[in-house]
Amino acid sequence: MARTLSAKKRTRQNIKRKLRNQIVKSQIKTHLKKTRLFLQQQTPNITKDLISKGLEQTYKLIDKAVSNGVIHKNKAGRLKSRITLVANKVSQKLNTNKTE
């Protein structure tokens, strides 16, 4: 148990920061899942513009988390790389479907 005032304040700050970090991480995971599901749906409404907008929003969310120190920059790069691979596969399928 903390005795000094500064130690007590530090524990209060740590609790607040932990909750904030958990919220941000949860938002990132949820957004990634929704983006993946959207990309994997085989609906005719998917266009390259929608794909790029979805990726842009995902990148923005991840980059904010990195700048706030919630996740490490290497993890952010890995997450962005994986979602980009999925998006590229979908866009390639769109190209092959249009040429056929």
Protein backbone atom coordinates (compact mmCIF):
# COMPACT_ATOMS: atom_id res chain seq x y z
CA MET A 1 0.00 0.00 0.00
CA ALA A 2 1.29 3.43 -0.94
CA ARG A 3 2.14 5.71 1.95
CA THR A 4 3.26 9.02 0.52
CA LEU A 5 0.94 11.42 -1.26
CA SER A 6 2.95 11.19 -4.45
CA ALA A 7 2.74 7.40 -4.45
CA LYS A 8 -1.02 7.54 -3.90
CA LYS A 9 -1.38 10.03 -6.75
CA ARG A 10 0.77 7.79 -8.94
CA THR A 11 -1.50 4.80 -8.35
CA ARG A 12 -4.56 6.92 -9.20
CA GLN A 13 -2.90 8.06 -12.42
CA ASN A 14 -1.90 4.51 -13.33
CA ILE A 15 -5.46 3.28 -12.89
CA LYS A 16 -6.82 6.03 -15.15
CA ARG A 17 -4.18 5.42 -17.79
CA LYS A 18 -4.75 1.67 -17.71
CA LEU A 19 -8.47 2.13 -18.32
CA ARG A 20 -7.84 4.60 -21.13
CA ASN A 21 -5.34 2.24 -22.77
CA GLN A 22 -7.75 -0.68 -22.51
CA ILE A 23 -10.46 1.37 -24.21
CA VAL A 24 -8.16 2.35 -27.07
CA LYS A 25 -6.91 -1.21 -27.57
CA SER A 26 -10.48 -2.48 -27.61
CA GLN A 27 -11.45 0.15 -30.19
CA ILE A 28 -8.54 -0.89 -32.41
CA LYS A 29 -9.44 -4.58 -32.20
CA THR A 30 -13.10 -3.90 -32.92
CA HIS A 31 -12.29 -1.63 -35.87
CA LEU A 32 -9.87 -4.19 -37.31
CA LYS A 33 -12.48 -6.95 -37.04
CA LYS A 34 -15.15 -4.81 -38.69
CA THR A 35 -12.77 -3.79 -41.47
CA ARG A 36 -11.78 -7.42 -42.09
CA LEU A 37 -15.40 -8.53 -42.20
CA PHE A 38 -16.28 -5.69 -44.57
CA LEU A 39 -13.40 -6.60 -46.88
CA GLN A 40 -14.20 -10.31 -46.87
CA GLN A 41 -17.86 -9.84 -47.76
CA GLN A 42 -18.51 -10.64 -51.38
CA THR A 43 -20.99 -7.84 -52.05
CA PRO A 44 -21.05 -5.88 -55.29
CA ASN A 45 -21.05 -2.61 -53.33
CA ILE A 46 -17.35 -2.84 -52.46
CA THR A 47 -15.26 -0.43 -54.49
CA LYS A 48 -11.64 0.63 -54.31
CA ASP A 49 -12.72 3.97 -52.83
CA LEU A 50 -14.49 2.23 -49.95
CA ILE A 51 -11.49 0.01 -49.37
CA SER A 52 -9.10 2.96 -49.26
CA LYS A 53 -11.38 4.90 -46.90
CA GLY A 54 -11.60 1.93 -44.55
CA LEU A 55 -7.84 1.52 -44.56
CA GLU A 56 -7.36 5.23 -44.00
CA GLN A 57 -9.59 5.17 -40.91
CA THR A 58 -7.82 2.10 -39.59
CA TYR A 59 -4.38 3.65 -40.10
CA LYS A 60 -5.50 6.82 -38.36
CA LEU A 61 -6.75 4.92 -35.32
CA ILE A 62 -3.58 2.84 -35.08
CA ASP A 63 -1.27 5.84 -35.53
CA LYS A 64 -3.09 7.75 -32.79
CA ALA A 65 -2.57 4.83 -30.43
CA VAL A 66 1.14 4.79 -31.23
CA SER A 67 1.52 8.53 -30.69
CA ASN A 68 -0.22 8.23 -27.31
CA GLY A 69 2.03 5.33 -26.32
CA VAL A 70 -0.75 2.75 -26.12
CA ILE A 71 0.84 0.30 -28.56
CA HIS A 72 4.38 -0.11 -29.85
CA LYS A 73 5.26 1.19 -33.30
CA ASN A 74 6.33 -2.26 -34.50
CA LYS A 75 2.98 -3.74 -33.51
CA ALA A 76 1.27 -0.89 -35.35
CA GLY A 77 3.27 -1.67 -38.46
CA ARG A 78 2.37 -5.34 -38.20
CA LEU A 79 -1.34 -4.58 -37.81
CA LYS A 80 -1.33 -2.18 -40.75
CA SER A 81 0.58 -4.64 -42.89
CA ARG A 82 -1.85 -7.47 -42.21
CA ILE A 83 -4.96 -5.42 -42.93
CA THR A 84 -3.32 -4.08 -46.09
CA LEU A 85 -2.68 -7.64 -47.32
CA VAL A 86 -6.36 -8.45 -46.94
CA ALA A 87 -7.32 -5.24 -48.74
CA ASN A 88 -4.92 -5.96 -51.60
CA LYS A 89 -6.37 -9.45 -52.08
CA VAL A 90 -9.87 -8.01 -52.25
CA SER A 91 -8.86 -5.31 -54.72
CA GLN A 92 -7.16 -7.92 -56.92
CA LYS A 93 -10.36 -9.94 -56.93
CA LEU A 94 -12.24 -6.82 -57.94
CA ASN A 95 -9.86 -6.31 -60.84
CA THR A 96 -10.16 -9.90 -62.05
CA ASN A 97 -13.96 -9.82 -61.79
CA LYS A 98 -14.15 -6.65 -63.86
CA THR A 99 -11.91 -8.00 -66.61
CA GLU A 100 -13.90 -11.21 -66.97
